[in-house]
N, C-alpha and C. Protein backbone atom coordinates (compact mmCIF):
# COMPACT_ATOMS: atom_id res chain seq x y z
N MET A 1 15.43 -3.93 -8.72
CA MET A 1 14.80 -4.67 -7.39
C MET A 1 15.67 -4.57 -6.50
N SER A 2 15.72 -4.34 -5.23
CA SER A 2 16.42 -4.56 -4.04
C SER A 2 17.04 -5.60 -3.85
N ARG A 3 17.76 -5.97 -2.66
CA ARG A 3 18.09 -7.49 -2.35
C ARG A 3 16.92 -7.75 -1.21
N LYS A 4 16.56 -6.88 -0.69
CA LYS A 4 15.67 -6.96 0.68
C LYS A 4 14.31 -7.43 -0.09
N ARG A 5 13.72 -7.03 -1.02
CA ARG A 5 12.57 -7.03 -2.00
C ARG A 5 12.70 -8.75 -2.49
N SER A 6 13.93 -8.85 -3.12
CA SER A 6 13.96 -9.95 -3.71
C SER A 6 13.92 -11.31 -2.65
N PHE A 7 14.69 -11.04 -1.69
CA PHE A 7 14.76 -12.12 -0.38
C PHE A 7 13.41 -12.07 0.08
N ALA A 8 12.50 -11.16 0.24
CA ALA A 8 11.30 -11.39 0.66
C ALA A 8 10.23 -12.15 -0.19
N LEU A 9 10.70 -11.74 -1.58
CA LEU A 9 9.67 -12.49 -2.61
C LEU A 9 10.15 -13.96 -2.54
N ILE A 10 11.54 -14.48 -2.26
CA ILE A 10 11.76 -15.76 -2.14
C ILE A 10 11.31 -16.65 -0.89
N LEU A 11 11.30 -15.70 0.14
CA LEU A 11 10.64 -16.26 1.56
C LEU A 11 9.23 -16.58 1.46
N ARG A 12 8.67 -15.51 0.61
CA ARG A 12 6.97 -15.82 0.16
C ARG A 12 6.82 -16.85 -0.34
N ARG A 13 7.67 -17.47 -1.37
CA ARG A 13 7.58 -18.31 -2.33
C ARG A 13 7.67 -19.91 -1.59
N VAL A 14 8.72 -19.76 -0.35
CA VAL A 14 9.09 -21.01 0.39
C VAL A 14 8.04 -20.89 1.44
N GLY A 15 7.02 -19.89 1.56
CA GLY A 15 6.06 -20.06 2.82
C GLY A 15 6.48 -19.71 4.03
N ILE A 16 7.52 -18.96 4.13
CA ILE A 16 8.14 -18.58 5.26
C ILE A 16 7.54 -17.22 5.81
N LEU A 17 7.35 -16.34 4.63
CA LEU A 17 6.73 -14.83 4.88
C LEU A 17 5.68 -14.75 3.98
N ASP A 18 4.71 -13.95 4.65
CA ASP A 18 3.42 -13.95 4.12
C ASP A 18 2.95 -12.38 4.02
N PHE A 19 2.64 -11.82 2.34
CA PHE A 19 2.09 -10.67 2.36
C PHE A 19 1.54 -10.49 0.87
N ASP A 20 0.79 -9.35 0.80
CA ASP A 20 0.14 -9.29 -0.36
C ASP A 20 0.67 -8.00 -1.18
N LEU A 21 1.15 -6.97 -0.53
CA LEU A 21 1.71 -5.51 -0.67
C LEU A 21 3.18 -5.37 -0.21
N LEU A 22 4.06 -4.89 -0.68
CA LEU A 22 5.36 -4.19 -0.33
C LEU A 22 5.50 -2.73 -0.73
N VAL A 23 6.12 -2.11 0.15
CA VAL A 23 6.37 -0.63 -0.05
C VAL A 23 7.33 -0.22 -0.97
N THR A 24 7.18 0.58 -2.29
CA THR A 24 8.31 1.05 -3.07
C THR A 24 8.16 2.46 -2.71
N ARG A 25 9.28 3.07 -2.57
CA ARG A 25 9.35 4.44 -1.88
C ARG A 25 9.51 5.43 -3.38
N VAL A 26 8.63 6.17 -3.67
CA VAL A 26 9.11 7.21 -4.75
C VAL A 26 8.84 8.50 -4.54
N ASP A 27 9.44 9.55 -5.73
CA ASP A 27 9.69 10.73 -4.70
C ASP A 27 8.67 11.81 -5.36
N ARG A 28 7.56 11.25 -6.30
CA ARG A 28 6.69 11.98 -6.90
C ARG A 28 5.33 11.37 -6.88
N HIS A 29 4.19 11.81 -6.86
CA HIS A 29 2.89 11.18 -6.92
C HIS A 29 2.85 10.55 -8.45
N PRO A 30 2.31 9.08 -8.41
CA PRO A 30 2.11 8.47 -9.79
C PRO A 30 1.01 9.14 -10.96
N GLY A 31 0.08 10.07 -10.09
CA GLY A 31 -0.82 10.47 -11.18
C GLY A 31 -1.84 9.33 -11.79
N ARG A 32 -1.89 9.08 -12.91
CA ARG A 32 -2.55 8.22 -13.44
C ARG A 32 -1.97 7.00 -14.34
N THR A 33 -0.41 6.74 -13.54
CA THR A 33 0.38 5.72 -13.64
C THR A 33 -0.25 4.53 -13.19
N GLU A 34 -0.16 3.47 -13.65
CA GLU A 34 -0.67 2.17 -13.04
C GLU A 34 0.32 1.88 -12.07
N ILE A 35 -0.15 1.34 -11.00
CA ILE A 35 0.68 0.80 -10.04
C ILE A 35 0.75 -0.69 -10.19
N PRO A 36 1.66 -1.20 -10.07
CA PRO A 36 1.78 -2.57 -10.39
C PRO A 36 1.06 -3.38 -9.09
N ALA A 37 0.26 -4.49 -9.27
CA ALA A 37 -0.36 -5.10 -8.23
C ALA A 37 0.81 -5.64 -7.45
N GLY A 38 0.71 -5.55 -6.08
CA GLY A 38 1.79 -6.30 -5.16
C GLY A 38 2.36 -4.89 -4.37
N GLU A 39 2.11 -3.82 -4.85
CA GLU A 39 3.10 -2.85 -4.61
C GLU A 39 2.29 -1.71 -3.91
N LEU A 40 2.69 -1.12 -3.02
CA LEU A 40 2.17 0.40 -2.27
C LEU A 40 3.08 1.23 -2.56
N TRP A 41 3.00 2.13 -3.38
CA TRP A 41 3.85 3.30 -3.79
C TRP A 41 3.86 4.31 -2.41
N LEU A 42 4.91 4.51 -1.71
CA LEU A 42 4.98 5.63 -0.62
C LEU A 42 5.71 6.76 -1.23
N VAL A 43 5.11 7.83 -1.41
CA VAL A 43 5.56 9.21 -2.17
C VAL A 43 6.22 9.95 -0.93
N VAL A 44 7.43 10.08 -0.86
CA VAL A 44 8.05 10.83 0.10
C VAL A 44 8.98 12.03 -0.39
N ASP A 45 8.78 13.38 0.31
CA ASP A 45 9.58 14.47 -0.13
C ASP A 45 10.37 14.85 0.76
N GLY A 46 11.73 14.42 0.61
CA GLY A 46 12.59 14.54 1.78
C GLY A 46 12.50 13.76 2.86
N ARG A 47 12.03 14.03 3.94
CA ARG A 47 11.76 13.02 4.91
C ARG A 47 10.24 13.03 5.17
N VAL A 48 9.47 13.63 4.62
CA VAL A 48 8.05 13.95 4.55
C VAL A 48 7.10 12.91 3.89
N LYS A 49 6.56 11.77 4.58
CA LYS A 49 5.59 11.28 3.83
C LYS A 49 4.72 11.74 3.45
N LYS A 50 3.78 11.92 2.21
CA LYS A 50 3.09 12.64 1.63
C LYS A 50 1.76 11.70 1.35
N TRP A 51 2.02 11.01 0.37
CA TRP A 51 0.96 9.57 0.11
C TRP A 51 1.15 8.36 0.09
N ALA A 52 0.23 7.87 0.02
CA ALA A 52 0.38 6.35 0.04
C ALA A 52 -0.60 5.74 -1.39
N CYS A 53 -0.15 5.12 -2.17
CA CYS A 53 -0.89 5.03 -3.73
C CYS A 53 -0.83 3.45 -4.00
N LEU A 54 -2.07 2.87 -4.37
CA LEU A 54 -2.00 1.35 -4.76
C LEU A 54 -3.12 1.42 -5.68
N SER A 55 -3.30 0.18 -6.58
CA SER A 55 -4.15 -0.17 -6.93
C SER A 55 -5.18 -0.85 -6.25
N CYS A 56 -6.59 -0.63 -6.47
CA CYS A 56 -7.51 -1.21 -5.72
C CYS A 56 -7.18 -2.73 -5.66
N PRO A 57 -7.15 -3.58 -4.56
CA PRO A 57 -7.31 -4.69 -4.78
C PRO A 57 -8.43 -5.81 -4.57
N GLY A 58 -9.46 -4.86 -5.10
CA GLY A 58 -10.86 -5.43 -5.38
C GLY A 58 -11.00 -5.94 -6.54
N GLY A 59 -10.23 -5.83 -7.18
CA GLY A 59 -10.37 -6.39 -8.97
C GLY A 59 -10.69 -5.33 -9.78
N CYS A 60 -10.83 -3.89 -9.26
CA CYS A 60 -11.53 -3.24 -10.37
C CYS A 60 -10.13 -2.33 -11.16
N GLY A 61 -8.89 -2.35 -10.31
CA GLY A 61 -7.90 -1.65 -10.19
C GLY A 61 -7.70 -0.01 -10.37
N VAL A 62 -8.82 0.26 -9.91
CA VAL A 62 -9.12 1.98 -9.77
C VAL A 62 -7.66 2.46 -8.86
N PRO A 63 -6.98 3.47 -9.15
CA PRO A 63 -5.67 4.05 -8.58
C PRO A 63 -6.52 4.53 -7.34
N ILE A 64 -5.99 4.04 -6.11
CA ILE A 64 -6.26 4.68 -4.70
C ILE A 64 -5.48 5.64 -4.17
N SER A 65 -5.41 6.81 -3.92
CA SER A 65 -4.21 7.88 -3.48
C SER A 65 -4.79 8.07 -1.76
N LEU A 66 -4.11 7.76 -0.77
CA LEU A 66 -4.22 8.07 0.66
C LEU A 66 -3.51 9.36 1.10
N SER A 67 -3.78 10.34 1.48
CA SER A 67 -3.09 11.55 2.19
C SER A 67 -2.83 11.25 3.33
N LEU A 68 -1.55 11.42 3.65
CA LEU A 68 -0.70 11.00 4.90
C LEU A 68 -0.18 12.31 5.43
N ASN A 69 -1.12 13.83 4.87
CA ASN A 69 -0.77 14.81 5.41
C ASN A 69 -1.59 15.07 6.55
N PRO A 70 -0.82 15.17 7.88
CA PRO A 70 -1.75 15.37 9.14
C PRO A 70 -2.72 16.67 9.33
N GLU A 71 -2.55 17.54 8.27
CA GLU A 71 -3.43 18.62 8.28
C GLU A 71 -4.82 18.47 7.52
N ARG A 72 -4.82 17.41 6.70
CA ARG A 72 -5.80 16.94 5.74
C ARG A 72 -6.99 15.99 6.45
N ARG A 73 -8.14 16.00 6.06
CA ARG A 73 -9.13 15.09 6.30
C ARG A 73 -9.65 14.56 5.39
N PRO A 74 -9.85 13.21 4.87
CA PRO A 74 -9.42 12.23 5.60
C PRO A 74 -7.92 12.09 5.68
N ARG A 75 -7.47 11.22 6.67
CA ARG A 75 -5.93 11.03 6.36
C ARG A 75 -5.51 9.69 7.00
N TRP A 76 -4.40 8.98 6.48
CA TRP A 76 -4.05 7.75 6.73
C TRP A 76 -2.71 7.82 7.50
N GLU A 77 -2.21 6.71 8.17
CA GLU A 77 -0.83 6.90 8.71
C GLU A 77 -0.15 5.49 8.12
N ILE A 78 0.95 5.47 8.01
CA ILE A 78 1.85 4.40 7.22
C ILE A 78 2.77 4.13 7.96
N GLU A 79 3.08 2.80 8.24
CA GLU A 79 4.54 2.09 8.76
C GLU A 79 4.57 0.90 8.05
N HIS A 80 6.13 0.56 7.96
CA HIS A 80 6.45 -0.62 7.37
C HIS A 80 7.30 -1.28 8.22
N ASP A 81 7.49 -2.81 8.12
CA ASP A 81 8.39 -3.34 9.12
C ASP A 81 9.70 -3.36 7.96
N PHE A 82 10.88 -4.41 8.84
CA PHE A 82 11.92 -4.64 8.21
C PHE A 82 11.68 -4.97 6.58
N TRP A 83 10.88 -5.84 6.44
CA TRP A 83 10.66 -6.36 4.75
C TRP A 83 9.84 -5.64 4.12
N THR A 84 9.52 -4.26 4.50
CA THR A 84 8.77 -3.25 3.64
C THR A 84 7.36 -3.50 3.66
N ARG A 85 6.48 -4.61 4.63
CA ARG A 85 5.28 -4.82 4.32
C ARG A 85 4.57 -3.45 5.15
N PRO A 86 3.70 -3.09 4.63
CA PRO A 86 3.04 -2.00 5.13
C PRO A 86 1.87 -2.21 6.17
N THR A 87 1.57 -1.46 6.98
CA THR A 87 0.53 -1.20 7.66
C THR A 87 -0.15 -0.10 7.69
N VAL A 88 -1.20 0.03 7.16
CA VAL A 88 -2.18 1.36 6.94
C VAL A 88 -3.44 1.66 8.08
N SER A 89 -3.30 2.71 8.46
CA SER A 89 -4.53 3.00 9.35
C SER A 89 -5.22 4.32 9.14
N PRO A 90 -6.31 4.36 9.14
CA PRO A 90 -7.55 3.39 9.55
C PRO A 90 -7.90 2.69 8.23
N SER A 91 -8.70 1.69 8.23
CA SER A 91 -9.36 0.95 6.89
C SER A 91 -9.41 1.72 5.89
N ILE A 92 -9.41 1.15 4.61
CA ILE A 92 -9.67 1.96 3.21
C ILE A 92 -10.92 1.73 2.74
N HIS A 93 -11.89 2.46 2.43
CA HIS A 93 -12.95 2.14 2.00
C HIS A 93 -12.93 2.79 0.64
N GLN A 94 -12.94 1.85 -0.58
CA GLN A 94 -13.01 2.41 -1.97
C GLN A 94 -14.51 2.46 -2.34
N ARG A 95 -14.76 3.73 -2.35
CA ARG A 95 -16.22 4.12 -3.01
C ARG A 95 -16.72 4.30 -4.54
N GLU A 96 -15.54 3.99 -5.15
CA GLU A 96 -15.94 3.98 -6.70
C GLU A 96 -15.98 2.43 -7.02
N SER A 97 -16.24 2.07 -8.49
CA SER A 97 -16.26 0.88 -9.09
C SER A 97 -16.47 -0.15 -8.20
N CYS A 98 -15.68 -1.19 -7.38
CA CYS A 98 -16.12 -2.17 -7.09
C CYS A 98 -16.50 -1.87 -5.29
N ARG A 99 -16.49 -0.72 -4.72
CA ARG A 99 -16.83 -0.31 -3.60
C ARG A 99 -16.40 -1.47 -2.52
N CYS A 100 -15.30 -1.68 -2.34
CA CYS A 100 -14.68 -2.41 -1.48
C CYS A 100 -13.90 -1.82 -0.26
N HIS A 101 -13.80 -2.66 0.52
CA HIS A 101 -13.75 -1.93 2.14
C HIS A 101 -12.78 -2.97 2.69
N PHE A 102 -11.18 -2.68 3.13
CA PHE A 102 -10.41 -3.43 3.56
C PHE A 102 -9.14 -2.58 4.53
N TRP A 103 -8.72 -3.29 5.28
CA TRP A 103 -7.45 -2.89 6.14
C TRP A 103 -5.86 -3.62 5.27
N ILE A 104 -5.10 -2.65 5.41
CA ILE A 104 -3.39 -3.42 5.23
C ILE A 104 -2.89 -3.50 6.40
N ARG A 105 -2.62 -4.87 6.65
CA ARG A 105 -1.81 -5.09 8.26
C ARG A 105 -0.76 -6.00 7.97
N LYS A 106 0.41 -5.56 7.94
CA LYS A 106 1.88 -6.31 7.82
C LYS A 106 1.81 -6.82 6.25
N GLY A 107 1.76 -5.85 5.37
CA GLY A 107 1.49 -6.30 3.92
C GLY A 107 0.14 -7.07 3.40
N LEU A 108 -0.70 -7.51 4.44
CA LEU A 108 -1.82 -8.39 4.21
C LEU A 108 -2.93 -7.66 3.97
N ILE A 109 -3.84 -7.88 2.78
CA ILE A 109 -5.35 -7.15 2.69
C ILE A 109 -6.18 -8.22 3.67
N GLU A 110 -6.66 -7.47 4.35
CA GLU A 110 -7.89 -8.17 5.30
C GLU A 110 -9.17 -7.29 5.02
N TRP A 111 -10.18 -8.23 4.47
CA TRP A 111 -11.32 -7.45 3.79
C TRP A 111 -12.43 -7.25 4.98
N CYS A 112 -12.79 -6.18 5.21
CA CYS A 112 -13.90 -5.98 6.21
C CYS A 112 -15.31 -6.55 5.67
N LYS A 113 -16.08 -7.01 6.91
CA LYS A 113 -16.93 -7.92 6.88
C LYS A 113 -18.32 -6.73 6.66
N THR A 114 -19.11 -6.91 5.58
CA THR A 114 -19.96 -5.99 5.31
C THR A 114 -21.30 -6.80 5.62
């Protein structure tokens, strides 16, 4: 675990920093690998962001893979701050299992009102 991530976890524990997710950079798509809660895996090939992958935060645990390829539809964009808290746009609508709909902003899950 990186020092920055360790420090971010300490800051969250003492109430200074707030987040549900932090970015973990990986070099290949996780496939069926279970992504730990609290992590968003950013798949990067060289300098190209390809996928953002996470486990559904709605409780069903379904893996969600978001394409970051500007040539594909649908596609998403992801940025992260110094602490690696991700912001993803547009919203994520998980249409399987628990069918939840949410935003990720500064590492926080914000549920869409239905």
